[in-house]
Amino acid sequence: MTVAADIGPEHAGFALDVRSTASVDAAVVSVAERLGEPTVLVNSAGINRIAPAETFNDEDWAAVLDVNLGGAFRCRAFGARMLSAGHGCIVNVGSIIGAEVGMPGRAPYAASKAAIVGLTRVLGVEWAGRGVRVNAVLPGPVRTPMVERVIAEGLVDPQEVFDRTPAGGFAEPEDGARVVVLLCGPDAGFVMAQSLVVDGGFSIYGAAPPATELPGHPSDDA
């Protein structure tokens, strides 16, 4: 059975505030008592603040790191239950920002997502021999509510994203979800401590013209 946990219980089956160790520990117990021992965990909680690095205050820096990195680490309590059972799978949701590319105005976000890669590697090698696989997905631009907000605020130009993505435009949440399912399934049974980029080629593209103007692009074949 798949369940969602969120800070607002009205949006999920379980209330869970990843900023609080007590909240995470209570959620672990509730899940185990109501549904049985957890076998899969997807750490997807995340927030962002956008501003020039020199203007960031300590509160915003701490808030982003606390949710994006601290939250994933606190959820190791689920991993501890999996270790006791001898099997399980954890997928941490990182980002190409920080882990693969630099992006102005996102210093704490980039730092937190780069650190997710490091955390994934450490937990992956610590727990692989004990039956628990830990991996990460690193999405590029995805049409999520958070991205829609920054587009509406004029902080991201959708056309620029489209122009430098060889696959064309934004990913949909389902694109990342399918990779998470793959990593949690038997076909990825020997994949451990890895971070898989899901960005349609965004982070690799390096040509000067927009990707949509290159010979052989699908739009040229229409």
N, C-alpha and C. Protein backbone atom coordinates (compact mmCIF):
# COMPACT_ATOMS: atom_id res chain seq x y z
N MET A 1 0.84 -1.20 0.00
CA MET A 1 0.00 0.00 0.00
C MET A 1 0.88 1.25 0.00
N THR A 2 0.50 2.24 -0.79
CA THR A 2 1.22 3.50 -0.86
C THR A 2 0.47 4.56 -0.07
N VAL A 3 1.20 5.29 0.77
CA VAL A 3 0.59 6.37 1.54
C VAL A 3 1.44 7.62 1.40
N ALA A 4 0.82 8.75 1.62
CA ALA A 4 1.52 10.03 1.60
C ALA A 4 1.53 10.62 2.99
N ALA A 5 2.62 11.28 3.32
CA ALA A 5 2.74 11.98 4.59
C ALA A 5 3.16 13.41 4.31
N ASP A 6 2.50 14.35 4.97
CA ASP A 6 2.75 15.76 4.69
C ASP A 6 2.52 16.54 5.98
N ILE A 7 3.02 17.78 5.96
CA ILE A 7 2.84 18.63 7.13
C ILE A 7 1.37 18.92 7.39
N GLY A 8 0.55 18.92 6.32
CA GLY A 8 -0.89 19.12 6.47
C GLY A 8 -1.62 17.80 6.30
N PRO A 9 -2.15 17.22 7.35
CA PRO A 9 -2.79 15.91 7.24
C PRO A 9 -3.98 15.91 6.30
N GLU A 10 -4.55 17.08 6.03
CA GLU A 10 -5.67 17.12 5.09
C GLU A 10 -5.23 16.78 3.68
N HIS A 11 -3.92 16.83 3.41
CA HIS A 11 -3.40 16.52 2.08
C HIS A 11 -2.74 15.14 2.02
N ALA A 12 -2.76 14.40 3.12
CA ALA A 12 -2.03 13.13 3.14
C ALA A 12 -2.66 12.19 4.15
N GLY A 13 -2.22 10.95 4.10
CA GLY A 13 -2.75 9.97 5.03
C GLY A 13 -2.18 10.09 6.42
N PHE A 14 -0.97 10.67 6.53
CA PHE A 14 -0.30 10.81 7.82
C PHE A 14 0.27 12.21 7.93
N ALA A 15 0.19 12.77 9.13
CA ALA A 15 0.80 14.06 9.40
C ALA A 15 2.28 13.85 9.69
N LEU A 16 3.13 14.62 9.02
CA LEU A 16 4.57 14.49 9.22
C LEU A 16 5.23 15.81 8.88
N ASP A 17 5.94 16.37 9.83
CA ASP A 17 6.71 17.60 9.63
C ASP A 17 8.18 17.21 9.63
N VAL A 18 8.82 17.23 8.46
CA VAL A 18 10.20 16.75 8.37
C VAL A 18 11.18 17.64 9.13
N ARG A 19 10.73 18.80 9.60
CA ARG A 19 11.60 19.66 10.40
C ARG A 19 11.69 19.19 11.85
N SER A 20 10.88 18.22 12.21
CA SER A 20 10.80 17.77 13.60
C SER A 20 11.11 16.28 13.71
N THR A 21 12.13 15.95 14.48
CA THR A 21 12.47 14.55 14.70
C THR A 21 11.32 13.83 15.39
N ALA A 22 10.69 14.49 16.34
CA ALA A 22 9.57 13.87 17.06
C ALA A 22 8.42 13.55 16.11
N SER A 23 8.14 14.46 15.16
CA SER A 23 7.07 14.23 14.19
C SER A 23 7.40 13.06 13.28
N VAL A 24 8.66 12.98 12.82
CA VAL A 24 9.06 11.87 11.96
C VAL A 24 8.96 10.55 12.71
N ASP A 25 9.47 10.52 13.94
CA ASP A 25 9.43 9.29 14.73
C ASP A 25 8.00 8.83 14.97
N ALA A 26 7.10 9.79 15.24
CA ALA A 26 5.70 9.44 15.47
C ALA A 26 5.06 8.89 14.20
N ALA A 27 5.41 9.46 13.05
CA ALA A 27 4.85 8.99 11.78
C ALA A 27 5.32 7.57 11.47
N VAL A 28 6.57 7.28 11.78
CA VAL A 28 7.09 5.93 11.55
C VAL A 28 6.29 4.91 12.35
N VAL A 29 6.03 5.22 13.61
CA VAL A 29 5.26 4.31 14.47
C VAL A 29 3.84 4.16 13.94
N SER A 30 3.21 5.28 13.53
CA SER A 30 1.84 5.22 13.03
C SER A 30 1.73 4.37 11.77
N VAL A 31 2.69 4.55 10.85
CA VAL A 31 2.67 3.76 9.62
C VAL A 31 2.81 2.27 9.95
N ALA A 32 3.76 1.95 10.81
CA ALA A 32 3.99 0.54 11.14
C ALA A 32 2.79 -0.08 11.83
N GLU A 33 2.15 0.67 12.72
CA GLU A 33 1.01 0.12 13.45
C GLU A 33 -0.22 -0.05 12.57
N ARG A 34 -0.43 0.88 11.65
CA ARG A 34 -1.65 0.86 10.84
C ARG A 34 -1.50 0.04 9.56
N LEU A 35 -0.29 0.01 9.00
CA LEU A 35 -0.12 -0.60 7.68
C LEU A 35 0.94 -1.69 7.63
N GLY A 36 1.73 -1.83 8.67
CA GLY A 36 2.83 -2.76 8.64
C GLY A 36 4.15 -2.04 8.44
N GLU A 37 5.23 -2.79 8.50
CA GLU A 37 6.56 -2.19 8.41
C GLU A 37 6.78 -1.53 7.05
N PRO A 38 7.38 -0.33 7.03
CA PRO A 38 7.63 0.35 5.75
C PRO A 38 8.68 -0.38 4.93
N THR A 39 8.48 -0.43 3.63
CA THR A 39 9.43 -1.07 2.73
C THR A 39 9.99 -0.10 1.68
N VAL A 40 9.30 1.02 1.46
CA VAL A 40 9.76 2.02 0.49
C VAL A 40 9.57 3.40 1.09
N LEU A 41 10.55 4.27 0.90
CA LEU A 41 10.45 5.66 1.34
C LEU A 41 10.93 6.55 0.20
N VAL A 42 10.13 7.57 -0.12
CA VAL A 42 10.53 8.58 -1.10
C VAL A 42 10.59 9.92 -0.36
N ASN A 43 11.77 10.46 -0.22
CA ASN A 43 11.96 11.76 0.44
C ASN A 43 11.81 12.87 -0.59
N SER A 44 10.65 13.52 -0.60
CA SER A 44 10.39 14.52 -1.63
C SER A 44 10.06 15.90 -1.07
N ALA A 45 10.11 16.07 0.24
CA ALA A 45 9.80 17.39 0.82
C ALA A 45 10.85 18.41 0.38
N GLY A 46 10.39 19.58 -0.02
CA GLY A 46 11.35 20.59 -0.45
C GLY A 46 10.75 21.97 -0.51
N ILE A 47 11.56 22.98 -0.22
CA ILE A 47 11.18 24.38 -0.35
C ILE A 47 12.32 25.12 -1.04
N ASN A 48 12.06 26.35 -1.46
CA ASN A 48 13.07 27.15 -2.13
C ASN A 48 12.91 28.60 -1.74
N ARG A 49 13.98 29.33 -1.76
CA ARG A 49 13.99 30.78 -1.62
C ARG A 49 14.93 31.29 -2.71
N ILE A 50 14.55 32.33 -3.41
CA ILE A 50 15.36 32.84 -4.52
C ILE A 50 15.75 34.29 -4.25
N ALA A 51 17.06 34.53 -4.25
CA ALA A 51 17.60 35.88 -4.03
C ALA A 51 19.10 35.85 -4.31
N PRO A 52 19.72 36.99 -4.59
CA PRO A 52 21.18 37.01 -4.72
C PRO A 52 21.83 36.51 -3.44
N ALA A 53 22.91 35.77 -3.58
CA ALA A 53 23.54 35.13 -2.41
C ALA A 53 23.90 36.14 -1.32
N GLU A 54 24.36 37.32 -1.72
CA GLU A 54 24.81 38.28 -0.72
C GLU A 54 23.66 38.89 0.09
N THR A 55 22.43 38.68 -0.38
CA THR A 55 21.29 39.25 0.34
C THR A 55 20.55 38.23 1.19
N PHE A 56 20.90 36.94 1.09
CA PHE A 56 20.21 35.93 1.87
C PHE A 56 20.44 36.16 3.36
N ASN A 57 19.35 36.05 4.12
CA ASN A 57 19.53 36.12 5.57
C ASN A 57 19.66 34.71 6.14
N ASP A 58 20.12 34.65 7.39
CA ASP A 58 20.36 33.35 8.01
C ASP A 58 19.09 32.53 8.15
N GLU A 59 17.96 33.20 8.34
CA GLU A 59 16.70 32.48 8.55
C GLU A 59 16.28 31.72 7.29
N ASP A 60 16.38 32.38 6.13
CA ASP A 60 16.00 31.72 4.89
C ASP A 60 16.98 30.59 4.54
N TRP A 61 18.26 30.84 4.76
CA TRP A 61 19.25 29.79 4.53
C TRP A 61 18.94 28.57 5.39
N ALA A 62 18.71 28.80 6.67
CA ALA A 62 18.45 27.69 7.58
C ALA A 62 17.16 26.97 7.25
N ALA A 63 16.14 27.71 6.83
CA ALA A 63 14.85 27.10 6.52
C ALA A 63 14.95 26.13 5.36
N VAL A 64 15.66 26.53 4.31
CA VAL A 64 15.80 25.67 3.14
C VAL A 64 16.62 24.42 3.47
N LEU A 65 17.73 24.62 4.16
CA LEU A 65 18.57 23.46 4.52
C LEU A 65 17.84 22.53 5.48
N ASP A 66 17.06 23.10 6.38
CA ASP A 66 16.37 22.29 7.38
C ASP A 66 15.36 21.35 6.75
N VAL A 67 14.61 21.84 5.75
CA VAL A 67 13.61 21.00 5.09
C VAL A 67 14.27 20.07 4.08
N ASN A 68 15.05 20.63 3.16
CA ASN A 68 15.53 19.86 2.02
C ASN A 68 16.57 18.80 2.40
N LEU A 69 17.47 19.15 3.31
CA LEU A 69 18.52 18.22 3.72
C LEU A 69 18.23 17.60 5.08
N GLY A 70 17.92 18.45 6.05
CA GLY A 70 17.64 17.93 7.39
C GLY A 70 16.44 16.99 7.39
N GLY A 71 15.43 17.31 6.58
CA GLY A 71 14.23 16.48 6.53
C GLY A 71 14.55 15.08 6.02
N ALA A 72 15.36 15.00 4.97
CA ALA A 72 15.74 13.69 4.44
C ALA A 72 16.54 12.90 5.46
N PHE A 73 17.41 13.57 6.19
CA PHE A 73 18.22 12.87 7.19
C PHE A 73 17.36 12.39 8.36
N ARG A 74 16.41 13.22 8.78
CA ARG A 74 15.55 12.79 9.88
C ARG A 74 14.72 11.56 9.50
N CYS A 75 14.38 11.47 8.24
CA CYS A 75 13.57 10.33 7.80
C CYS A 75 14.36 9.03 7.74
N ARG A 76 15.63 9.09 8.16
CA ARG A 76 16.39 7.84 8.31
C ARG A 76 15.73 6.92 9.33
N ALA A 77 14.80 7.47 10.13
CA ALA A 77 14.06 6.63 11.08
C ALA A 77 13.29 5.54 10.34
N PHE A 78 12.78 5.87 9.14
CA PHE A 78 12.14 4.83 8.33
C PHE A 78 13.18 3.80 7.89
N GLY A 79 14.37 4.28 7.53
CA GLY A 79 15.43 3.38 7.14
C GLY A 79 15.82 2.43 8.26
N ALA A 80 15.79 2.92 9.48
CA ALA A 80 16.13 2.08 10.62
C ALA A 80 15.16 0.91 10.75
N ARG A 81 13.87 1.15 10.49
CA ARG A 81 12.89 0.07 10.52
C ARG A 81 13.16 -0.92 9.40
N MET A 82 13.53 -0.41 8.23
CA MET A 82 13.85 -1.30 7.11
C MET A 82 15.07 -2.15 7.43
N LEU A 83 16.07 -1.55 8.07
CA LEU A 83 17.27 -2.30 8.44
C LEU A 83 16.94 -3.43 9.40
N SER A 84 16.05 -3.15 10.32
CA SER A 84 15.64 -4.19 11.28
C SER A 84 14.95 -5.34 10.57
N ALA A 85 14.18 -5.00 9.51
CA ALA A 85 13.48 -6.04 8.74
C ALA A 85 14.39 -6.72 7.73
N GLY A 86 15.50 -6.07 7.38
CA GLY A 86 16.45 -6.67 6.44
C GLY A 86 16.18 -6.38 4.98
N HIS A 87 15.25 -5.45 4.69
CA HIS A 87 15.00 -5.11 3.29
C HIS A 87 14.26 -3.78 3.22
N GLY A 88 14.42 -3.10 2.08
CA GLY A 88 13.73 -1.83 1.86
C GLY A 88 14.42 -1.02 0.80
N CYS A 89 13.79 0.05 0.40
CA CYS A 89 14.31 0.91 -0.66
C CYS A 89 13.97 2.36 -0.34
N ILE A 90 14.96 3.23 -0.45
CA ILE A 90 14.78 4.67 -0.21
C ILE A 90 15.23 5.43 -1.45
N VAL A 91 14.41 6.38 -1.89
CA VAL A 91 14.77 7.27 -2.98
C VAL A 91 14.68 8.71 -2.48
N ASN A 92 15.79 9.40 -2.54
CA ASN A 92 15.84 10.82 -2.18
C ASN A 92 15.67 11.67 -3.44
N VAL A 93 14.80 12.66 -3.37
CA VAL A 93 14.59 13.54 -4.51
C VAL A 93 15.52 14.74 -4.38
N GLY A 94 16.51 14.78 -5.24
CA GLY A 94 17.45 15.89 -5.27
C GLY A 94 17.07 16.86 -6.37
N SER A 95 18.06 17.34 -7.11
CA SER A 95 17.84 18.27 -8.20
C SER A 95 19.13 18.39 -9.00
N ILE A 96 19.01 18.71 -10.28
CA ILE A 96 20.23 19.00 -11.03
C ILE A 96 20.87 20.29 -10.52
N ILE A 97 20.08 21.17 -9.89
CA ILE A 97 20.61 22.42 -9.35
C ILE A 97 21.51 22.10 -8.17
N GLY A 98 22.75 22.46 -8.26
CA GLY A 98 23.70 22.16 -7.21
C GLY A 98 24.43 20.87 -7.47
N ALA A 99 23.72 19.81 -7.81
CA ALA A 99 24.35 18.52 -8.05
C ALA A 99 24.97 18.44 -9.45
N GLU A 100 24.37 19.11 -10.43
CA GLU A 100 24.86 19.04 -11.80
C GLU A 100 25.15 20.41 -12.41
N VAL A 101 24.36 21.40 -12.08
CA VAL A 101 24.53 22.73 -12.66
C VAL A 101 24.43 23.79 -11.57
N GLY A 102 25.00 24.94 -11.84
CA GLY A 102 24.80 26.10 -10.98
C GLY A 102 23.69 26.96 -11.54
N MET A 103 22.90 27.57 -10.65
CA MET A 103 21.82 28.42 -11.10
C MET A 103 21.75 29.63 -10.17
N PRO A 104 21.89 30.83 -10.70
CA PRO A 104 21.94 32.02 -9.85
C PRO A 104 20.70 32.16 -8.97
N GLY A 105 20.91 32.71 -7.78
CA GLY A 105 19.82 33.04 -6.89
C GLY A 105 19.33 31.91 -6.02
N ARG A 106 20.00 30.77 -6.09
CA ARG A 106 19.50 29.59 -5.38
C ARG A 106 20.57 28.96 -4.51
N ALA A 107 21.33 29.78 -3.80
CA ALA A 107 22.45 29.26 -3.02
C ALA A 107 22.05 28.20 -2.00
N PRO A 108 21.07 28.45 -1.13
CA PRO A 108 20.72 27.40 -0.16
C PRO A 108 20.09 26.18 -0.80
N TYR A 109 19.27 26.38 -1.83
CA TYR A 109 18.64 25.25 -2.51
C TYR A 109 19.70 24.37 -3.16
N ALA A 110 20.64 25.00 -3.88
CA ALA A 110 21.70 24.24 -4.54
C ALA A 110 22.55 23.49 -3.52
N ALA A 111 22.87 24.16 -2.42
CA ALA A 111 23.69 23.51 -1.38
C ALA A 111 22.97 22.30 -0.80
N SER A 112 21.67 22.45 -0.57
CA SER A 112 20.92 21.33 0.02
C SER A 112 20.80 20.17 -0.95
N LYS A 113 20.62 20.45 -2.23
CA LYS A 113 20.44 19.36 -3.20
C LYS A 113 21.76 18.69 -3.55
N ALA A 114 22.85 19.44 -3.54
CA ALA A 114 24.16 18.82 -3.71
C ALA A 114 24.45 17.89 -2.53
N ALA A 115 24.06 18.33 -1.34
CA ALA A 115 24.28 17.52 -0.15
C ALA A 115 23.44 16.25 -0.16
N ILE A 116 22.28 16.30 -0.81
CA ILE A 116 21.45 15.09 -0.93
C ILE A 116 22.22 13.99 -1.66
N VAL A 117 23.00 14.38 -2.67
CA VAL A 117 23.80 13.39 -3.39
C VAL A 117 24.81 12.75 -2.44
N GLY A 118 25.47 13.56 -1.63
CA GLY A 118 26.43 13.02 -0.66
C GLY A 118 25.77 12.12 0.36
N LEU A 119 24.62 12.54 0.88
CA LEU A 119 23.90 11.73 1.85
C LEU A 119 23.48 10.39 1.23
N THR A 120 23.01 10.44 -0.02
CA THR A 120 22.60 9.23 -0.71
C THR A 120 23.77 8.26 -0.86
N ARG A 121 24.93 8.78 -1.19
CA ARG A 121 26.09 7.92 -1.35
C ARG A 121 26.49 7.26 -0.03
N VAL A 122 26.49 8.03 1.03
CA VAL A 122 26.90 7.48 2.32
C VAL A 122 25.92 6.41 2.81
N LEU A 123 24.62 6.76 2.82
CA LEU A 123 23.63 5.78 3.26
C LEU A 123 23.60 4.58 2.33
N GLY A 124 23.80 4.84 1.03
CA GLY A 124 23.79 3.75 0.06
C GLY A 124 24.86 2.72 0.34
N VAL A 125 26.08 3.18 0.63
CA VAL A 125 27.15 2.22 0.88
C VAL A 125 27.08 1.65 2.30
N GLU A 126 26.53 2.40 3.25
CA GLU A 126 26.39 1.88 4.61
C GLU A 126 25.35 0.77 4.68
N TRP A 127 24.26 0.93 3.93
CA TRP A 127 23.11 0.04 4.11
C TRP A 127 22.95 -1.03 3.04
N ALA A 128 23.73 -0.94 1.96
CA ALA A 128 23.56 -1.89 0.86
C ALA A 128 23.70 -3.34 1.32
N GLY A 129 24.69 -3.61 2.15
CA GLY A 129 24.92 -4.97 2.61
C GLY A 129 23.94 -5.45 3.67
N ARG A 130 23.05 -4.54 4.07
CA ARG A 130 22.07 -4.90 5.11
C ARG A 130 20.66 -4.94 4.55
N GLY A 131 20.56 -4.96 3.21
CA GLY A 131 19.27 -5.18 2.57
C GLY A 131 18.49 -3.94 2.21
N VAL A 132 19.04 -2.75 2.46
CA VAL A 132 18.32 -1.51 2.16
C VAL A 132 19.08 -0.74 1.08
N ARG A 133 18.41 -0.52 -0.05
CA ARG A 133 19.01 0.22 -1.15
C ARG A 133 18.61 1.70 -1.04
N VAL A 134 19.60 2.59 -1.23
CA VAL A 134 19.36 4.03 -1.18
C VAL A 134 19.88 4.65 -2.47
N ASN A 135 19.01 5.33 -3.19
CA ASN A 135 19.38 6.03 -4.42
C ASN A 135 18.70 7.39 -4.45
N ALA A 136 18.99 8.16 -5.49
CA ALA A 136 18.39 9.49 -5.63
C ALA A 136 17.99 9.72 -7.07
N VAL A 137 17.00 10.56 -7.27
CA VAL A 137 16.68 11.09 -8.59
C VAL A 137 16.97 12.59 -8.57
N LEU A 138 17.51 13.08 -9.67
CA LEU A 138 17.86 14.50 -9.79
C LEU A 138 17.06 15.09 -10.95
N PRO A 139 15.88 15.60 -10.68
CA PRO A 139 15.07 16.16 -11.76
C PRO A 139 15.63 17.49 -12.26
N GLY A 140 15.34 17.77 -13.51
CA GLY A 140 15.55 19.11 -14.05
C GLY A 140 14.26 19.89 -13.89
N PRO A 141 13.98 20.84 -14.78
CA PRO A 141 12.74 21.61 -14.68
C PRO A 141 11.51 20.72 -14.82
N VAL A 142 10.64 20.78 -13.82
CA VAL A 142 9.43 19.96 -13.78
C VAL A 142 8.24 20.89 -13.52
N ARG A 143 7.14 20.61 -14.16
CA ARG A 143 5.93 21.42 -13.98
C ARG A 143 5.27 21.09 -12.63
N THR A 144 5.86 21.57 -11.57
CA THR A 144 5.30 21.42 -10.23
C THR A 144 4.69 22.75 -9.79
N PRO A 145 3.88 22.77 -8.75
CA PRO A 145 3.34 24.03 -8.25
C PRO A 145 4.43 25.04 -7.89
N MET A 146 5.56 24.55 -7.32
CA MET A 146 6.63 25.46 -6.95
C MET A 146 7.23 26.12 -8.19
N VAL A 147 7.42 25.36 -9.27
CA VAL A 147 7.95 25.92 -10.50
C VAL A 147 6.94 26.86 -11.16
N GLU A 148 5.68 26.50 -11.10
CA GLU A 148 4.64 27.38 -11.67
C GLU A 148 4.63 28.73 -10.97
N ARG A 149 4.89 28.72 -9.66
CA ARG A 149 4.92 29.99 -8.91
C ARG A 149 6.07 30.88 -9.38
N VAL A 150 7.26 30.30 -9.56
CA VAL A 150 8.39 31.14 -9.97
C VAL A 150 8.23 31.61 -11.41
N ILE A 151 7.54 30.82 -12.23
CA ILE A 151 7.23 31.29 -13.59
C ILE A 151 6.28 32.48 -13.51
N ALA A 152 5.24 32.36 -12.68
CA ALA A 152 4.27 33.45 -12.52
C ALA A 152 4.92 34.72 -11.97
N GLU A 153 5.96 34.54 -11.15
CA GLU A 153 6.66 35.69 -10.58
C GLU A 153 7.71 36.26 -11.52
N GLY A 154 7.86 35.66 -12.70
CA GLY A 154 8.82 36.16 -13.67
C GLY A 154 10.26 35.78 -13.41
N LEU A 155 10.48 34.80 -12.52
CA LEU A 155 11.83 34.39 -12.17
C LEU A 155 12.37 33.31 -13.10
N VAL A 156 11.49 32.66 -13.84
CA VAL A 156 11.89 31.64 -14.82
C VAL A 156 11.14 31.90 -16.11
N ASP A 157 11.86 31.88 -17.23
CA ASP A 157 11.26 32.06 -18.55
C ASP A 157 11.04 30.68 -19.15
N PRO A 158 9.79 30.24 -19.31
CA PRO A 158 9.54 28.90 -19.86
C PRO A 158 10.18 28.68 -21.23
N GLN A 159 10.24 29.71 -22.06
CA GLN A 159 10.82 29.56 -23.38
C GLN A 159 12.32 29.24 -23.30
N GLU A 160 13.00 29.84 -22.35
CA GLU A 160 14.43 29.57 -22.20
C GLU A 160 14.66 28.12 -21.79
N VAL A 161 13.78 27.61 -20.93
CA VAL A 161 13.88 26.20 -20.54
C VAL A 161 13.67 25.30 -21.75
N PHE A 162 12.66 25.61 -22.52
CA PHE A 162 12.38 24.82 -23.72
C PHE A 162 13.55 24.85 -24.68
N ASP A 163 14.15 26.05 -24.86
CA ASP A 163 15.22 26.21 -25.84
C ASP A 163 16.47 25.40 -25.51
N ARG A 164 16.73 25.16 -24.23
CA ARG A 164 17.97 24.46 -23.89
C ARG A 164 17.72 23.03 -23.42
N THR A 165 16.52 22.50 -23.64
CA THR A 165 16.22 21.12 -23.29
C THR A 165 16.07 20.31 -24.57
N PRO A 166 17.02 19.43 -24.88
CA PRO A 166 16.95 18.65 -26.12
C PRO A 166 15.64 17.88 -26.28
N ALA A 167 15.09 17.37 -25.17
CA ALA A 167 13.82 16.63 -25.25
C ALA A 167 12.64 17.58 -25.40
N GLY A 168 12.85 18.88 -25.15
CA GLY A 168 11.79 19.86 -25.33
C GLY A 168 11.00 20.14 -24.07
N GLY A 169 11.17 21.34 -23.51
CA GLY A 169 10.31 21.81 -22.44
C GLY A 169 10.53 21.16 -21.08
N PHE A 170 9.49 21.30 -20.27
CA PHE A 170 9.51 20.81 -18.90
C PHE A 170 9.12 19.33 -18.84
N ALA A 171 9.65 18.66 -17.83
CA ALA A 171 9.16 17.31 -17.52
C ALA A 171 7.85 17.45 -16.76
N GLU A 172 7.08 16.38 -16.77
CA GLU A 172 5.90 16.28 -15.94
C GLU A 172 6.24 15.48 -14.68
N PRO A 173 5.53 15.68 -13.59
CA PRO A 173 5.83 14.91 -12.37
C PRO A 173 5.87 13.41 -12.62
N GLU A 174 5.04 12.92 -13.53
CA GLU A 174 5.02 11.48 -13.82
C GLU A 174 6.35 10.98 -14.38
N ASP A 175 7.11 11.85 -15.05
CA ASP A 175 8.39 11.42 -15.60
C ASP A 175 9.35 11.02 -14.47
N GLY A 176 9.37 11.81 -13.42
CA GLY A 176 10.20 11.47 -12.27
C GLY A 176 9.64 10.29 -11.50
N ALA A 177 8.33 10.24 -11.39
CA ALA A 177 7.69 9.16 -10.63
C ALA A 177 8.01 7.80 -11.23
N ARG A 178 8.05 7.72 -12.55
CA ARG A 178 8.35 6.44 -13.20
C ARG A 178 9.77 5.98 -12.88
N VAL A 179 10.70 6.92 -12.77
CA VAL A 179 12.07 6.57 -12.42
C VAL A 179 12.15 6.10 -10.96
N VAL A 180 11.38 6.74 -10.09
CA VAL A 180 11.33 6.31 -8.70
C VAL A 180 10.83 4.88 -8.61
N VAL A 181 9.77 4.58 -9.35
CA VAL A 181 9.22 3.21 -9.36
C VAL A 181 10.28 2.22 -9.86
N LEU A 182 11.01 2.60 -10.89
CA LEU A 182 12.07 1.73 -11.40
C LEU A 182 13.11 1.45 -10.32
N LEU A 183 13.56 2.51 -9.64
CA LEU A 183 14.60 2.35 -8.62
C LEU A 183 14.14 1.50 -7.44
N CYS A 184 12.84 1.50 -7.19
CA CYS A 184 12.31 0.74 -6.07
C CYS A 184 11.95 -0.70 -6.45
N GLY A 185 12.02 -1.01 -7.73
CA GLY A 185 11.59 -2.32 -8.19
C GLY A 185 12.73 -3.29 -8.39
N PRO A 186 12.42 -4.53 -8.70
CA PRO A 186 13.43 -5.57 -8.84
C PRO A 186 14.38 -5.35 -10.01
N ASP A 187 13.96 -4.63 -11.04
CA ASP A 187 14.84 -4.39 -12.18
C ASP A 187 16.05 -3.53 -11.81
N ALA A 188 15.97 -2.82 -10.69
CA ALA A 188 17.09 -2.00 -10.21
C ALA A 188 17.68 -2.59 -8.94
N GLY A 189 17.55 -3.90 -8.79
CA GLY A 189 17.96 -4.55 -7.55
C GLY A 189 19.43 -4.46 -7.22
N PHE A 190 20.29 -4.17 -8.21
CA PHE A 190 21.72 -4.03 -7.94
C PHE A 190 22.19 -2.59 -8.13
N VAL A 191 21.25 -1.65 -8.11
CA VAL A 191 21.56 -0.23 -8.22
C VAL A 191 21.53 0.37 -6.82
N MET A 192 22.66 0.87 -6.37
CA MET A 192 22.76 1.36 -5.00
C MET A 192 23.67 2.58 -4.94
N ALA A 193 23.28 3.57 -4.13
CA ALA A 193 24.08 4.78 -3.88
C ALA A 193 24.25 5.64 -5.13
N GLN A 194 23.31 5.53 -6.08
CA GLN A 194 23.40 6.27 -7.34
C GLN A 194 22.43 7.45 -7.36
N SER A 195 22.76 8.43 -8.19
CA SER A 195 21.88 9.59 -8.40
C SER A 195 21.59 9.69 -9.89
N LEU A 196 20.33 9.49 -10.24
CA LEU A 196 19.93 9.40 -11.65
C LEU A 196 19.29 10.71 -12.10
N VAL A 197 19.88 11.33 -13.12
CA VAL A 197 19.39 12.60 -13.65
C VAL A 197 18.19 12.36 -14.55
N VAL A 198 17.13 13.16 -14.34
CA VAL A 198 15.91 13.07 -15.15
C VAL A 198 15.59 14.48 -15.63
N ASP A 199 16.21 14.89 -16.73
CA ASP A 199 16.05 16.29 -17.14
C ASP A 199 15.95 16.50 -18.64
N GLY A 200 15.73 15.43 -19.42
CA GLY A 200 15.59 15.60 -20.86
C GLY A 200 16.82 16.14 -21.55
N GLY A 201 17.99 15.99 -20.91
CA GLY A 201 19.23 16.48 -21.50
C GLY A 201 19.60 17.91 -21.13
N PHE A 202 18.80 18.54 -20.26
CA PHE A 202 19.01 19.95 -19.90
C PHE A 202 20.41 20.20 -19.38
N SER A 203 20.88 19.38 -18.44
CA SER A 203 22.17 19.65 -17.79
C SER A 203 23.36 19.31 -18.67
N ILE A 204 23.16 18.52 -19.72
CA ILE A 204 24.25 18.12 -20.60
C ILE A 204 24.39 19.04 -21.80
N TYR A 205 23.27 19.64 -22.23
CA TYR A 205 23.26 20.43 -23.45
C TYR A 205 24.26 21.59 -23.36
N GLY A 206 25.11 21.71 -24.39
CA GLY A 206 26.13 22.74 -24.34
C GLY A 206 26.34 23.52 -25.62
N ALA A 207 25.50 23.30 -26.62
CA ALA A 207 25.65 24.02 -27.89
C ALA A 207 25.18 25.46 -27.75
N ALA A 208 25.66 26.31 -28.65
CA ALA A 208 25.27 27.72 -28.60
C ALA A 208 23.82 27.95 -29.03
N PRO A 209 23.36 27.36 -30.15
CA PRO A 209 21.97 27.61 -30.55
C PRO A 209 21.00 26.90 -29.62
N PRO A 210 19.77 27.34 -29.58
CA PRO A 210 18.75 26.57 -28.85
C PRO A 210 18.67 25.15 -29.36
N ALA A 211 18.40 24.22 -28.46
CA ALA A 211 18.32 22.82 -28.85
C ALA A 211 17.26 22.59 -29.92
N THR A 212 16.22 23.41 -29.90
CA THR A 212 15.12 23.23 -30.86
C THR A 212 15.50 23.67 -32.27
N GLU A 213 16.66 24.33 -32.41
CA GLU A 213 17.09 24.78 -33.73
C GLU A 213 18.15 23.87 -34.35
N LEU A 214 18.57 22.84 -33.64
CA LEU A 214 19.60 21.96 -34.15
C LEU A 214 19.04 21.01 -35.20
N PRO A 215 19.83 20.65 -36.21
CA PRO A 215 19.38 19.68 -37.21
C PRO A 215 19.01 18.36 -36.54
N GLY A 216 17.94 17.76 -37.01
CA GLY A 216 17.54 16.48 -36.48
C GLY A 216 16.62 16.54 -35.30
N HIS A 217 16.33 17.75 -34.82
CA HIS A 217 15.36 17.87 -33.71
C HIS A 217 13.99 17.40 -34.19
N PRO A 218 13.21 16.74 -33.32
CA PRO A 218 11.89 16.24 -33.75
C PRO A 218 11.03 17.26 -34.48
N SER A 219 11.14 18.54 -34.11
CA SER A 219 10.32 19.55 -34.77
C SER A 219 10.70 19.72 -36.24
N ASP A 220 11.95 19.33 -36.60
CA ASP A 220 12.39 19.45 -37.98
C ASP A 220 11.81 18.36 -38.86
N ASP A 221 11.32 17.30 -38.22
CA ASP A 221 10.81 16.17 -38.98
C ASP A 221 9.31 16.27 -39.23
N ALA A 222 8.69 17.28 -38.66
CA ALA A 222 7.22 17.38 -38.77
C ALA A 222 6.83 17.74 -40.19
